[in-house]
Amino acid sequence: MQANMENGALLTEMADKALLNYDIEVVSKQLIRHNENQLTVKMGALQQTLHAHSQKWVPPAGFRRLIYDEITIAQACENLGKGIQSGIIGNDDYRIVCDVTKLICSLFANTPKTKASWGLVHADFLSGNLLIREGQLIPIDFSLSGWAYYLLDPAICLCNLKKHLRKAFIAGYGLQLTEERLYFIEALALYIILVAASRQINNIVWKSWFEKRFPVITGEFCQKLQRHISFIYDI
């Protein structure tokens, strides 16, 4: 697997296209049919294994990837402001985005980036980006991988998995969800949603999402984060 940057677009190339044979299937299709909980536990375990490897891995000279830090969310917030001019984001919603951005930046500033908490993450670890062969999961599509708090990956998974499977993922990863850690995961969940949305602010295909879903993100989940009300099993 090789990730390249070409004209600002992130691309992923298969190192060996022969790997994609009839014995391999995308995990999302398996989740639809059977073994949902078992596969979800394996997803959590695989992600934890990747993070454990990342903690020991030494990047080669000149290795560069995206960085999911305070600067990234501040830039995302600024970019989302363009939605006010185009009419797809309301003033009240954007005000909430700005407040939550400040809150997240404050959390980051008070959370040390240690070898145990910060490193290379997949950043798109979804069932559609996992292949399964003979019961073993194989991660693909590292185009969005970058430096971040390791908890960003579980946050992304928990947002995208079916609600009844989220506890199975947590068990597979071995996450000990203290109140403080859960709050940080929920902040990271909103972080990645806002960053992803900012990249699509000028994409006409996303117009319906901004009109229907964005007010829910800001009006419900962002405000819950501000009030310290948990939402990771509801989003």
C-alpha atoms as a PDB file:
ATOM      1  CA  MET A   1       0.000   0.000   0.000  1.00  0.00           C
ATOM      2  CA  GLN A   2       1.449   3.352  -0.983  1.00  0.00           C
ATOM      3  CA  ALA A   3      -0.069   6.760  -0.312  1.00  0.00           C
ATOM      4  CA  ASN A   4       0.842   9.657  -2.611  1.00  0.00           C
ATOM      5  CA  MET A   5      -0.042  13.312  -2.866  1.00  0.00           C
ATOM      6  CA  GLU A   6      -0.897  14.451  -6.375  1.00  0.00           C
ATOM      7  CA  ASN A   7      -2.209  17.931  -7.133  1.00  0.00           C
ATOM      8  CA  GLY A   8      -3.529  18.188  -3.602  1.00  0.00           C
ATOM      9  CA  ALA A   9      -5.519  14.950  -3.866  1.00  0.00           C
ATOM     10  CA  LEU A  10      -4.856  12.024  -1.597  1.00  0.00           C
ATOM     11  CA  LEU A  11      -4.517   8.766  -3.490  1.00  0.00           C
ATOM     12  CA  THR A  12      -3.997   5.165  -2.480  1.00  0.00           C
ATOM     13  CA  GLU A  13      -2.409   2.551  -4.721  1.00  0.00           C
ATOM     14  CA  MET A  14      -2.523  -1.191  -4.163  1.00  0.00           C
ATOM     15  CA  ALA A  15       1.012  -2.553  -3.793  1.00  0.00           C
ATOM     16  CA  ASP A  16      -0.151  -5.933  -5.062  1.00  0.00           C
ATOM     17  CA  LYS A  17      -3.436  -6.031  -6.962  1.00  0.00           C
ATOM     18  CA  ALA A  18      -3.225  -9.824  -6.961  1.00  0.00           C
ATOM     19  CA  LEU A  19      -4.242  -9.706  -3.306  1.00  0.00           C
ATOM     20  CA  LEU A  20      -7.773  -8.843  -4.373  1.00  0.00           C
ATOM     21  CA  ASN A  21      -8.995 -12.329  -5.241  1.00  0.00           C
ATOM     22  CA  TYR A  22     -12.199 -14.229  -4.676  1.00  0.00           C
ATOM     23  CA  ASP A  23     -11.114 -15.248  -1.164  1.00  0.00           C
ATOM     24  CA  ILE A  24     -11.135 -11.657   0.079  1.00  0.00           C
ATOM     25  CA  GLU A  25     -14.217  -9.633   0.930  1.00  0.00           C
ATOM     26  CA  VAL A  26     -14.864  -6.191   2.351  1.00  0.00           C
ATOM     27  CA  VAL A  27     -15.771  -6.394   6.049  1.00  0.00           C
ATOM     28  CA  SER A  28     -18.792  -4.113   5.653  1.00  0.00           C
ATOM     29  CA  LYS A  29     -20.510  -6.827   3.589  1.00  0.00           C
ATOM     30  CA  GLN A  30     -19.780  -9.422   6.261  1.00  0.00           C
ATOM     31  CA  LEU A  31     -21.202  -7.140   8.945  1.00  0.00           C
ATOM     32  CA  ILE A  32     -24.448  -6.971   7.020  1.00  0.00           C
ATOM     33  CA  ARG A  33     -24.788 -10.743   6.804  1.00  0.00           C
ATOM     34  CA  HIS A  34     -23.473 -12.396   9.934  1.00  0.00           C
ATOM     35  CA  ASN A  35     -20.988 -12.503  12.814  1.00  0.00           C
ATOM     36  CA  GLU A  36     -21.483  -8.798  13.501  1.00  0.00           C
ATOM     37  CA  ASN A  37     -20.264  -8.808  17.069  1.00  0.00           C
ATOM     38  CA  GLN A  38     -17.373 -11.187  16.445  1.00  0.00           C
ATOM     39  CA  LEU A  39     -16.075  -9.148  13.511  1.00  0.00           C
ATOM     40  CA  THR A  40     -16.495  -5.891  15.402  1.00  0.00           C
ATOM     41  CA  VAL A  41     -14.447  -7.255  18.310  1.00  0.00           C
ATOM     42  CA  LYS A  42     -11.758  -8.204  15.768  1.00  0.00           C
ATOM     43  CA  MET A  43     -11.873  -4.671  14.370  1.00  0.00           C
ATOM     44  CA  GLY A  44     -11.182  -3.249  17.810  1.00  0.00           C
ATOM     45  CA  ALA A  45      -8.369  -5.726  18.445  1.00  0.00           C
ATOM     46  CA  LEU A  46      -6.759  -4.968  15.069  1.00  0.00           C
ATOM     47  CA  GLN A  47      -6.858  -1.249  15.676  1.00  0.00           C
ATOM     48  CA  GLN A  48      -5.212  -1.683  19.071  1.00  0.00           C
ATOM     49  CA  THR A  49      -2.518  -3.850  17.432  1.00  0.00           C
ATOM     50  CA  LEU A  50      -1.837  -1.157  14.837  1.00  0.00           C
ATOM     51  CA  HIS A  51      -1.495   1.455  17.558  1.00  0.00           C
ATOM     52  CA  ALA A  52       0.849  -0.761  19.573  1.00  0.00           C
ATOM     53  CA  HIS A  53       3.010  -1.160  16.465  1.00  0.00           C
ATOM     54  CA  SER A  54       2.940   2.593  15.830  1.00  0.00           C
ATOM     55  CA  GLN A  55       4.269   3.252  19.321  1.00  0.00           C
ATOM     56  CA  LYS A  56       7.378   1.185  18.549  1.00  0.00           C
ATOM     57  CA  TRP A  57       7.806   2.230  14.918  1.00  0.00           C
ATOM     58  CA  VAL A  58      10.476   4.745  13.920  1.00  0.00           C
ATOM     59  CA  PRO A  59       9.473   6.736  10.805  1.00  0.00           C
ATOM     60  CA  PRO A  60      12.089   6.959   8.044  1.00  0.00           C
ATOM     61  CA  ALA A  61      13.798  10.241   7.233  1.00  0.00           C
ATOM     62  CA  GLY A  62      11.567  12.597   5.269  1.00  0.00           C
ATOM     63  CA  PHE A  63       8.367  10.743   6.207  1.00  0.00           C
ATOM     64  CA  ARG A  64       5.451  13.181   6.092  1.00  0.00           C
ATOM     65  CA  ARG A  65       1.783  12.715   6.788  1.00  0.00           C
ATOM     66  CA  LEU A  66      -1.243  14.774   7.777  1.00  0.00           C
ATOM     67  CA  ILE A  67      -1.312  16.175  11.296  1.00  0.00           C
ATOM     68  CA  TYR A  68      -4.570  16.153  13.250  1.00  0.00           C
ATOM     69  CA  ASP A  69      -3.869  18.858  15.805  1.00  0.00           C
ATOM     70  CA  GLU A  70      -5.129  22.230  17.024  1.00  0.00           C
ATOM     71  CA  ILE A  71      -4.056  23.971  13.821  1.00  0.00           C
ATOM     72  CA  THR A  72      -6.103  21.575  11.709  1.00  0.00           C
ATOM     73  CA  ILE A  73      -9.344  22.145  13.638  1.00  0.00           C
ATOM     74  CA  ALA A  74      -8.773  25.925  13.669  1.00  0.00           C
ATOM     75  CA  GLN A  75      -8.343  25.868   9.888  1.00  0.00           C
ATOM     76  CA  ALA A  76     -11.441  23.694   9.543  1.00  0.00           C
ATOM     77  CA  CYS A  77     -13.455  26.171  11.610  1.00  0.00           C
ATOM     78  CA  GLU A  78     -12.310  29.043   9.429  1.00  0.00           C
ATOM     79  CA  ASN A  79     -13.136  27.124   6.270  1.00  0.00           C
ATOM     80  CA  LEU A  80     -16.608  26.247   7.522  1.00  0.00           C
ATOM     81  CA  GLY A  81     -17.231  29.978   7.818  1.00  0.00           C
ATOM     82  CA  LYS A  82     -17.516  30.028   4.024  1.00  0.00           C
ATOM     83  CA  GLY A  83     -20.775  28.144   4.475  1.00  0.00           C
ATOM     84  CA  ILE A  84     -22.388  31.266   5.923  1.00  0.00           C
ATOM     85  CA  GLN A  85     -21.721  33.172   2.709  1.00  0.00           C
ATOM     86  CA  SER A  86     -23.155  30.361   0.579  1.00  0.00           C
ATOM     87  CA  GLY A  87     -26.152  29.956   2.892  1.00  0.00           C
ATOM     88  CA  ILE A  88     -25.650  26.301   3.830  1.00  0.00           C
ATOM     89  CA  ILE A  89     -24.561  27.060   7.418  1.00  0.00           C
ATOM     90  CA  GLY A  90     -26.532  29.332   9.716  1.00  0.00           C
ATOM     91  CA  ASN A  91     -24.965  31.985  11.924  1.00  0.00           C
ATOM     92  CA  ASP A  92     -26.051  30.237  15.127  1.00  0.00           C
ATOM     93  CA  ASP A  93     -24.639  26.911  13.970  1.00  0.00           C
ATOM     94  CA  TYR A  94     -21.331  28.512  13.055  1.00  0.00           C
ATOM     95  CA  ARG A  95     -21.126  30.250  16.418  1.00  0.00           C
ATOM     96  CA  ILE A  96     -21.455  26.854  18.091  1.00  0.00           C
ATOM     97  CA  VAL A  97     -18.726  25.469  15.802  1.00  0.00           C
ATOM     98  CA  CYS A  98     -16.401  28.282  16.878  1.00  0.00           C
ATOM     99  CA  ASP A  99     -17.135  27.669  20.567  1.00  0.00           C
ATOM    100  CA  VAL A 100     -16.555  23.920  20.255  1.00  0.00           C
ATOM    101  CA  THR A 101     -13.359  24.519  18.282  1.00  0.00           C
ATOM    102  CA  LYS A 102     -12.035  26.614  21.174  1.00  0.00           C
ATOM    103  CA  LEU A 103     -13.072  23.898  23.623  1.00  0.00           C
ATOM    104  CA  ILE A 104     -11.285  21.190  21.604  1.00  0.00           C
ATOM    105  CA  CYS A 105      -8.154  23.314  21.259  1.00  0.00           C
ATOM    106  CA  SER A 106      -8.155  23.792  25.017  1.00  0.00           C
ATOM    107  CA  LEU A 107      -8.478  20.032  25.548  1.00  0.00           C
ATOM    108  CA  PHE A 108      -5.579  19.396  23.176  1.00  0.00           C
ATOM    109  CA  ALA A 109      -3.434  22.011  24.903  1.00  0.00           C
ATOM    110  CA  ASN A 110      -3.992  20.245  28.218  1.00  0.00           C
ATOM    111  CA  THR A 111      -3.460  16.702  26.865  1.00  0.00           C
ATOM    112  CA  PRO A 112       0.254  15.876  26.446  1.00  0.00           C
ATOM    113  CA  LYS A 113       1.311  14.303  23.159  1.00  0.00           C
ATOM    114  CA  THR A 114       3.316  11.415  24.568  1.00  0.00           C
ATOM    115  CA  LYS A 115       4.578   8.256  22.895  1.00  0.00           C
ATOM    116  CA  ALA A 116       1.689   6.385  24.497  1.00  0.00           C
ATOM    117  CA  SER A 117      -1.030   8.837  23.434  1.00  0.00           C
ATOM    118  CA  TRP A 118       0.132  10.333  20.114  1.00  0.00           C
ATOM    119  CA  GLY A 119       1.397   8.696  16.941  1.00  0.00           C
ATOM    120  CA  LEU A 120       0.525   7.508  13.450  1.00  0.00           C
ATOM    121  CA  VAL A 121      -3.168   6.609  13.066  1.00  0.00           C
ATOM    122  CA  HIS A 122      -5.232   5.267  10.190  1.00  0.00           C
ATOM    123  CA  ALA A 123      -7.850   8.054  10.432  1.00  0.00           C
ATOM    124  CA  ASP A 124     -10.327   6.220   8.186  1.00  0.00           C
ATOM    125  CA  PHE A 125     -10.628   2.881   9.958  1.00  0.00           C
ATOM    126  CA  LEU A 126     -14.107   1.913   8.768  1.00  0.00           C
ATOM    127  CA  SER A 127     -15.583  -1.461   7.897  1.00  0.00           C
ATOM    128  CA  GLY A 128     -15.440  -0.501   4.210  1.00  0.00           C
ATOM    129  CA  ASN A 129     -11.672  -0.083   4.518  1.00  0.00           C
ATOM    130  CA  LEU A 130     -11.082  -3.552   5.910  1.00  0.00           C
ATOM    131  CA  LEU A 131     -10.765  -6.757   3.929  1.00  0.00           C
ATOM    132  CA  ILE A 132     -11.331 -10.198   5.395  1.00  0.00           C
ATOM    133  CA  ARG A 133      -9.546 -13.349   4.296  1.00  0.00           C
ATOM    134  CA  GLU A 134      -9.845 -16.666   6.103  1.00  0.00           C
ATOM    135  CA  GLY A 135     -11.141 -14.840   9.175  1.00  0.00           C
ATOM    136  CA  GLN A 136      -8.256 -12.353   9.282  1.00  0.00           C
ATOM    137  CA  LEU A 137      -8.823  -8.613   8.861  1.00  0.00           C
ATOM    138  CA  ILE A 138      -6.595  -6.620   6.507  1.00  0.00           C
ATOM    139  CA  PRO A 139      -6.663  -2.791   6.700  1.00  0.00           C
ATOM    140  CA  ILE A 140      -6.508  -0.839   3.435  1.00  0.00           C
ATOM    141  CA  ASP A 141      -6.683   2.793   2.293  1.00  0.00           C
ATOM    142  CA  PHE A 142      -4.186   4.697   4.411  1.00  0.00           C
ATOM    143  CA  SER A 143      -4.627   7.864   2.351  1.00  0.00           C
ATOM    144  CA  LEU A 144      -5.884   9.872   5.354  1.00  0.00           C
ATOM    145  CA  SER A 145      -3.412   8.408   7.839  1.00  0.00           C
ATOM    146  CA  GLY A 146      -1.481  10.913   9.898  1.00  0.00           C
ATOM    147  CA  TRP A 147      -0.228  12.021  13.295  1.00  0.00           C
ATOM    148  CA  ALA A 148      -2.908  12.283  15.945  1.00  0.00           C
ATOM    149  CA  TYR A 149      -3.988  11.151  19.363  1.00  0.00           C
ATOM    150  CA  TYR A 150      -4.476   7.393  19.108  1.00  0.00           C
ATOM    151  CA  LEU A 151      -8.008   7.801  20.447  1.00  0.00           C
ATOM    152  CA  LEU A 152      -8.958   9.506  17.179  1.00  0.00           C
ATOM    153  CA  ASP A 153      -9.243   6.098  15.496  1.00  0.00           C
ATOM    154  CA  PRO A 154     -11.695   4.662  18.059  1.00  0.00           C
ATOM    155  CA  ALA A 155     -13.668   7.914  17.898  1.00  0.00           C
ATOM    156  CA  ILE A 156     -14.062   7.542  14.135  1.00  0.00           C
ATOM    157  CA  CYS A 157     -15.114   3.904  14.450  1.00  0.00           C
ATOM    158  CA  LEU A 158     -17.627   4.548  17.187  1.00  0.00           C
ATOM    159  CA  CYS A 159     -19.270   7.296  15.127  1.00  0.00           C
ATOM    160  CA  ASN A 160     -19.662   5.059  12.088  1.00  0.00           C
ATOM    161  CA  LEU A 161     -20.456   1.633  13.499  1.00  0.00           C
ATOM    162  CA  LYS A 162     -24.045   0.586  14.096  1.00  0.00           C
ATOM    163  CA  LYS A 163     -25.031   1.674  17.581  1.00  0.00           C
ATOM    164  CA  HIS A 164     -25.532  -1.858  18.899  1.00  0.00           C
ATOM    165  CA  LEU A 165     -21.981  -2.829  17.846  1.00  0.00           C
ATOM    166  CA  ARG A 166     -20.079  -0.024  19.548  1.00  0.00           C
ATOM    167  CA  LYS A 167     -19.572  -1.770  22.870  1.00  0.00           C
ATOM    168  CA  ALA A 168     -18.187  -4.806  21.024  1.00  0.00           C
ATOM    169  CA  PHE A 169     -15.570  -2.591  19.379  1.00  0.00           C
ATOM    170  CA  ILE A 170     -14.629  -1.046  22.730  1.00  0.00           C
ATOM    171  CA  ALA A 171     -14.226  -4.545  24.191  1.00  0.00           C
ATOM    172  CA  GLY A 172     -12.050  -5.646  21.260  1.00  0.00           C
ATOM    173  CA  TYR A 173      -9.777  -2.639  21.574  1.00  0.00           C
ATOM    174  CA  GLY A 174      -9.597  -3.047  25.333  1.00  0.00           C
ATOM    175  CA  LEU A 175     -10.568   0.530  26.048  1.00  0.00           C
ATOM    176  CA  GLN A 176     -11.068   1.422  29.671  1.00  0.00           C
ATOM    177  CA  LEU A 177     -13.644   4.176  29.341  1.00  0.00           C
ATOM    178  CA  THR A 178     -13.181   6.490  32.276  1.00  0.00           C
ATOM    179  CA  GLU A 179     -15.375   9.574  32.284  1.00  0.00           C
ATOM    180  CA  GLU A 180     -12.396  11.714  31.251  1.00  0.00           C
ATOM    181  CA  ARG A 181     -11.361   9.415  28.407  1.00  0.00           C
ATOM    182  CA  LEU A 182     -14.921   9.097  27.103  1.00  0.00           C
ATOM    183  CA  TYR A 183     -15.223  12.887  27.025  1.00  0.00           C
ATOM    184  CA  PHE A 184     -11.974  13.136  25.072  1.00  0.00           C
ATOM    185  CA  ILE A 185     -13.163  10.512  22.561  1.00  0.00           C
ATOM    186  CA  GLU A 186     -16.395  12.436  22.057  1.00  0.00           C
ATOM    187  CA  ALA A 187     -14.414  15.629  21.497  1.00  0.00           C
ATOM    188  CA  LEU A 188     -12.309  13.781  18.912  1.00  0.00           C
ATOM    189  CA  ALA A 189     -15.462  12.494  17.235  1.00  0.00           C
ATOM    190  CA  LEU A 190     -16.702  16.048  16.720  1.00  0.00           C
ATOM    191  CA  TYR A 191     -13.194  17.098  15.746  1.00  0.00           C
ATOM    192  CA  ILE A 192     -13.066  14.671  12.813  1.00  0.00           C
ATOM    193  CA  ILE A 193     -16.655  15.422  11.753  1.00  0.00           C
ATOM    194  CA  LEU A 194     -15.909  19.152  11.562  1.00  0.00           C
ATOM    195  CA  VAL A 195     -12.591  18.580   9.774  1.00  0.00           C
ATOM    196  CA  ALA A 196     -14.241  16.264   7.244  1.00  0.00           C
ATOM    197  CA  ALA A 197     -17.123  18.697   6.718  1.00  0.00           C
ATOM    198  CA  SER A 198     -14.729  21.583   6.137  1.00  0.00           C
ATOM    199  CA  ARG A 199     -13.158  19.687   3.251  1.00  0.00           C
ATOM    200  CA  GLN A 200     -16.561  19.432   1.557  1.00  0.00           C
ATOM    201  CA  ILE A 201     -17.810  22.966   2.126  1.00  0.00           C
ATOM    202  CA  ASN A 202     -17.758  23.720  -1.609  1.00  0.00           C
ATOM    203  CA  ASN A 203     -18.936  20.285  -2.715  1.00  0.00           C
ATOM    204  CA  ILE A 204     -22.455  20.508  -4.121  1.00  0.00           C
ATOM    205  CA  VAL A 205     -22.974  16.801  -3.397  1.00  0.00           C
ATOM    206  CA  TRP A 206     -22.728  17.580   0.321  1.00  0.00           C
ATOM    207  CA  LYS A 207     -25.269  20.403   0.239  1.00  0.00           C
ATOM    208  CA  SER A 208     -28.089  18.174   1.484  1.00  0.00           C
ATOM    209  CA  TRP A 209     -25.877  16.878   4.331  1.00  0.00           C
ATOM    210  CA  PHE A 210     -25.090  20.413   5.451  1.00  0.00           C
ATOM    211  CA  GLU A 211     -28.741  21.422   5.329  1.00  0.00           C
ATOM    212  CA  LYS A 212     -30.101  18.368   7.165  1.00  0.00           C
ATOM    213  CA  ARG A 213     -27.327  16.857   9.260  1.00  0.00           C
ATOM    214  CA  PHE A 214     -25.076  19.770  10.187  1.00  0.00           C
ATOM    215  CA  PRO A 215     -27.712  21.511  12.379  1.00  0.00           C
ATOM    216  CA  VAL A 216     -28.098  18.239  14.295  1.00  0.00           C
ATOM    217  CA  ILE A 217     -24.333  17.988  14.837  1.00  0.00           C
ATOM    218  CA  THR A 218     -24.149  21.540  16.165  1.00  0.00           C
ATOM    219  CA  GLY A 219     -27.522  21.839  17.881  1.00  0.00           C
ATOM    220  CA  GLU A 220     -27.400  18.481  19.638  1.00  0.00           C
ATOM    221  CA  PHE A 221     -23.968  16.882  19.853  1.00  0.00           C
ATOM    222  CA  CYS A 222     -21.762  19.975  20.021  1.00  0.00           C
ATOM    223  CA  GLN A 223     -23.935  21.375  22.775  1.00  0.00           C
ATOM    224  CA  LYS A 224     -23.840  18.050  24.632  1.00  0.00           C
ATOM    225  CA  LEU A 225     -20.044  18.205  24.567  1.00  0.00           C
ATOM    226  CA  GLN A 226     -20.187  21.709  25.998  1.00  0.00           C
ATOM    227  CA  ARG A 227     -22.501  20.491  28.775  1.00  0.00           C
ATOM    228  CA  HIS A 228     -20.500  17.303  29.437  1.00  0.00           C
ATOM    229  CA  ILE A 229     -23.420  15.102  28.388  1.00  0.00           C
ATOM    230  CA  SER A 230     -22.254  11.827  26.826  1.00  0.00           C
ATOM    231  CA  PHE A 231     -23.433  11.045  23.280  1.00  0.00           C
ATOM    232  CA  ILE A 232     -21.034   8.488  21.751  1.00  0.00           C
ATOM    233  CA  TYR A 233     -23.741   5.792  21.675  1.00  0.00           C
ATOM    234  CA  ASP A 234     -26.261   8.165  20.076  1.00  0.00           C
ATOM    235  CA  ILE A 235     -24.384  10.026  17.324  1.00  0.00           C
END
